[in-house]
Each structure stands twice: as C-alpha cells, then as structure tokens.
Amino acid sequence: MNEKNEEKEEHELEKIRLKKMKALMESQKMQQAAKERVNGIYEKIDFVLRAVMEPDAYKHLNKLRSTDPSVYQRIYGELVSPDVVQNIDYLIALIRQRGGVGRRIPLDVIIYLERKIKGVKSSIKVKQGDGEMMDLGSYLSK
C-alpha cells in the first residue's frame, strides 16, 4: 500500500511539473509575440518616417539616435504621436496606394527641432570694418 501511495504522489508531482512547464512555455510564447508586435510597430513607424522625410533628414535623425538619444526621443515624440501609432496600418496603406507622399519633411525641420530642444538660439554675426565680429542686434543698435 505504501508503494502505491508513493507512485500516486509521484504521478501527482509529475502532473504539477508538467502544468508549470506548460504555463512557463505559454508565458514565453506570449512574451515573444508581444516583442514581435512591438518590433513590427517600430518597423512600420520606420517605414512611414522614411516615406515622409527627405533622405538627408532621415539620416540626420538616425545620427541623432546614436549621438544624442534624449534629443532623438523628443524629436521622435514630436513626429510620431500616439494617433500615428494607432493608425499606422492605415498610413502605410495610403503611402503604398499613392506611391509616397506629396511633401516630405526637409532636413531644416529636423535641425530646427533639434536646436529648439537643445535651447540653441540663432545668431547672426556681422563683421565690422576693423574685423570685429558682433551680433546683428548690437550692430543695428549702434
């Protein structure tokens, strides 16, 4: 009788192990599927950015990704709103149907956003007769 109890307990333990293993595998599958969905969304967003940006603007934005990630994230946030993410499949269908977009975002816009985020103010320098450089505002107020 004692041997039958041990077999029954071992059988129950094996059932519990299998159940835990199955739950773990399902959890891993769900995590993998979520990861693939996220990667798919990023690939779709990248496709849309390539379509709506001029090549030099897109290159500059990607350069910012590696050189200044915080500035890149803020510009990315300006360009890719939650509404864009929500309607990404529709946008891709429109771009493919029309063969692109009419007007593309130029490099100037990306540089403007970068300077705005960094707090860089534009300044025009004027060279006076004796070679002295001064701000345009100072020059005009003289």
Protein backbone atom coordinates (compact mmCIF):
# COMPACT_ATOMS: atom_id res chain seq x y z
CA MET A 1 0.00 0.00 0.00
CA ASN A 2 2.85 2.32 0.83
CA GLU A 3 4.32 1.73 -2.62
CA LYS A 4 1.02 2.65 -4.30
CA ASN A 5 0.88 5.92 -2.33
CA GLU A 6 4.42 6.80 -3.43
CA GLU A 7 3.52 6.08 -7.06
CA LYS A 8 0.38 8.18 -6.78
CA GLU A 9 2.29 11.07 -5.17
CA GLU A 10 4.99 10.87 -7.84
CA HIS A 11 2.33 10.85 -10.52
CA GLU A 12 0.72 13.95 -8.96
CA LEU A 13 4.13 15.67 -8.73
CA GLU A 14 4.74 14.91 -12.40
CA LYS A 15 1.34 16.40 -13.30
CA ILE A 16 2.22 19.56 -11.34
CA ARG A 17 5.63 19.79 -13.06
CA LEU A 18 4.05 19.42 -16.48
CA LYS A 19 1.42 22.04 -15.65
CA LYS A 20 4.11 24.51 -14.50
CA MET A 21 6.23 23.77 -17.58
CA LYS A 22 3.23 24.34 -19.84
CA ALA A 23 2.43 27.65 -18.09
CA LEU A 24 6.05 28.76 -18.42
CA MET A 25 6.12 27.90 -22.12
CA GLU A 26 2.85 29.76 -22.72
CA SER A 27 4.23 32.78 -20.88
CA GLN A 28 7.37 32.72 -23.04
CA LYS A 29 5.25 32.45 -26.20
CA MET A 30 3.17 35.44 -25.11
CA GLN A 31 6.30 37.48 -24.35
CA GLN A 32 7.77 36.57 -27.74
CA ALA A 33 4.54 37.51 -29.52
CA ALA A 34 4.42 40.86 -27.68
CA LYS A 35 8.06 41.51 -28.59
CA GLU A 36 7.36 40.73 -32.25
CA ARG A 37 4.34 43.06 -32.23
CA VAL A 38 6.45 45.88 -30.80
CA ASN A 39 9.24 45.24 -33.30
CA GLY A 40 6.64 45.17 -36.07
CA ILE A 41 5.25 48.52 -34.97
CA TYR A 42 8.74 50.06 -34.87
CA GLU A 43 9.45 48.72 -38.35
CA LYS A 44 6.17 50.19 -39.59
CA ILE A 45 6.92 53.55 -37.99
CA ASP A 46 10.38 53.49 -39.57
CA PHE A 47 8.75 52.81 -42.97
CA VAL A 48 6.42 55.79 -42.52
CA LEU A 49 9.29 58.05 -41.38
CA ARG A 50 11.33 57.07 -44.45
CA ALA A 51 8.34 57.88 -46.65
CA VAL A 52 7.54 61.28 -45.13
CA MET A 53 11.10 62.53 -44.59
CA GLU A 54 13.70 63.58 -47.14
CA PRO A 55 16.66 61.17 -47.15
CA ASP A 56 19.08 63.68 -45.58
CA ALA A 57 16.57 64.48 -42.82
CA TYR A 58 16.08 60.78 -42.11
CA LYS A 59 19.86 60.25 -41.95
CA HIS A 60 20.25 63.19 -39.57
CA LEU A 61 17.51 61.86 -37.31
CA ASN A 62 19.17 58.43 -37.20
CA LYS A 63 22.52 60.07 -36.47
CA LEU A 64 20.90 61.80 -33.51
CA ARG A 65 19.70 58.40 -32.27
CA SER A 66 23.30 57.34 -31.66
CA THR A 67 24.89 60.70 -30.78
CA ASP A 68 22.16 62.29 -28.65
CA PRO A 69 19.43 59.80 -27.67
CA SER A 70 17.46 62.22 -25.49
CA VAL A 71 17.14 64.76 -28.32
CA TYR A 72 16.24 61.93 -30.69
CA GLN A 73 13.49 60.73 -28.35
CA ARG A 74 11.97 64.21 -28.12
CA ILE A 75 12.03 64.72 -31.89
CA TYR A 76 10.62 61.23 -32.36
CA GLY A 77 7.84 62.15 -29.92
CA GLU A 78 7.08 65.26 -31.97
CA LEU A 79 6.93 63.31 -35.22
CA VAL A 80 5.24 60.13 -34.01
CA SER A 81 2.17 60.88 -31.93
CA PRO A 82 0.02 58.17 -30.34
CA ASP A 83 -2.50 58.84 -33.11
CA VAL A 84 0.14 57.90 -35.71
CA VAL A 85 0.89 54.65 -33.88
CA GLN A 86 -2.80 53.83 -33.62
CA ASN A 87 -3.38 54.39 -37.36
CA ILE A 88 -0.03 53.06 -38.60
CA ASP A 89 -1.52 50.37 -40.86
CA TYR A 90 -3.86 52.89 -42.48
CA LEU A 91 -0.96 55.30 -43.07
CA ILE A 92 1.14 52.57 -44.67
CA ALA A 93 -1.77 51.61 -46.94
CA LEU A 94 -2.19 55.24 -48.02
CA ILE A 95 1.53 55.66 -48.71
CA ARG A 96 1.65 52.46 -50.77
CA GLN A 97 -1.56 53.29 -52.63
CA ARG A 98 -0.35 56.78 -53.56
CA GLY A 99 3.24 55.76 -54.18
CA GLY A 100 4.60 58.08 -51.50
CA VAL A 101 3.68 61.46 -50.08
CA GLY A 102 3.40 64.83 -51.77
CA ARG A 103 5.60 66.88 -49.49
CA ARG A 104 8.39 65.46 -47.40
CA ILE A 105 9.85 66.77 -44.16
CA PRO A 106 13.11 68.56 -45.03
CA LEU A 107 16.35 68.50 -43.05
CA ASP A 108 15.71 72.09 -41.92
CA VAL A 109 12.72 70.99 -39.84
CA ILE A 110 14.74 68.30 -38.04
CA ILE A 111 17.57 70.75 -37.37
CA TYR A 112 15.06 73.33 -36.15
CA LEU A 113 13.52 70.80 -33.73
CA GLU A 114 16.98 69.75 -32.57
CA ARG A 115 18.04 73.35 -31.90
CA LYS A 116 14.74 74.10 -30.17
CA ILE A 117 15.15 71.09 -27.86
CA LYS A 118 18.79 71.91 -27.13
CA GLY A 119 17.90 75.56 -26.49
CA VAL A 120 20.23 76.88 -29.19
CA LYS A 121 19.26 80.35 -30.30
CA SER A 122 20.20 81.55 -33.76
CA SER A 123 22.53 84.48 -34.01
CA ILE A 124 23.76 86.44 -36.99
CA LYS A 125 27.27 87.82 -36.73
CA VAL A 126 28.36 90.93 -38.62
CA LYS A 127 31.95 91.83 -39.37
CA GLN A 128 32.63 95.50 -38.82
CA GLY A 129 35.27 97.41 -40.81
CA ASP A 130 38.15 96.74 -38.37
CA GLY A 131 37.47 92.99 -38.37
CA GLU A 132 35.49 92.92 -35.13
CA MET A 133 32.61 90.40 -35.14
CA MET A 134 29.44 91.45 -33.38
CA ASP A 135 25.87 90.31 -33.04
CA LEU A 136 23.48 91.77 -35.66
CA GLY A 137 21.27 93.24 -32.94
CA SER A 138 24.23 95.07 -31.37
CA TYR A 139 25.39 96.28 -34.79
CA LEU A 140 21.96 97.66 -35.70
CA SER A 141 21.53 99.41 -32.36
CA LYS A 142 24.82 101.33 -32.83
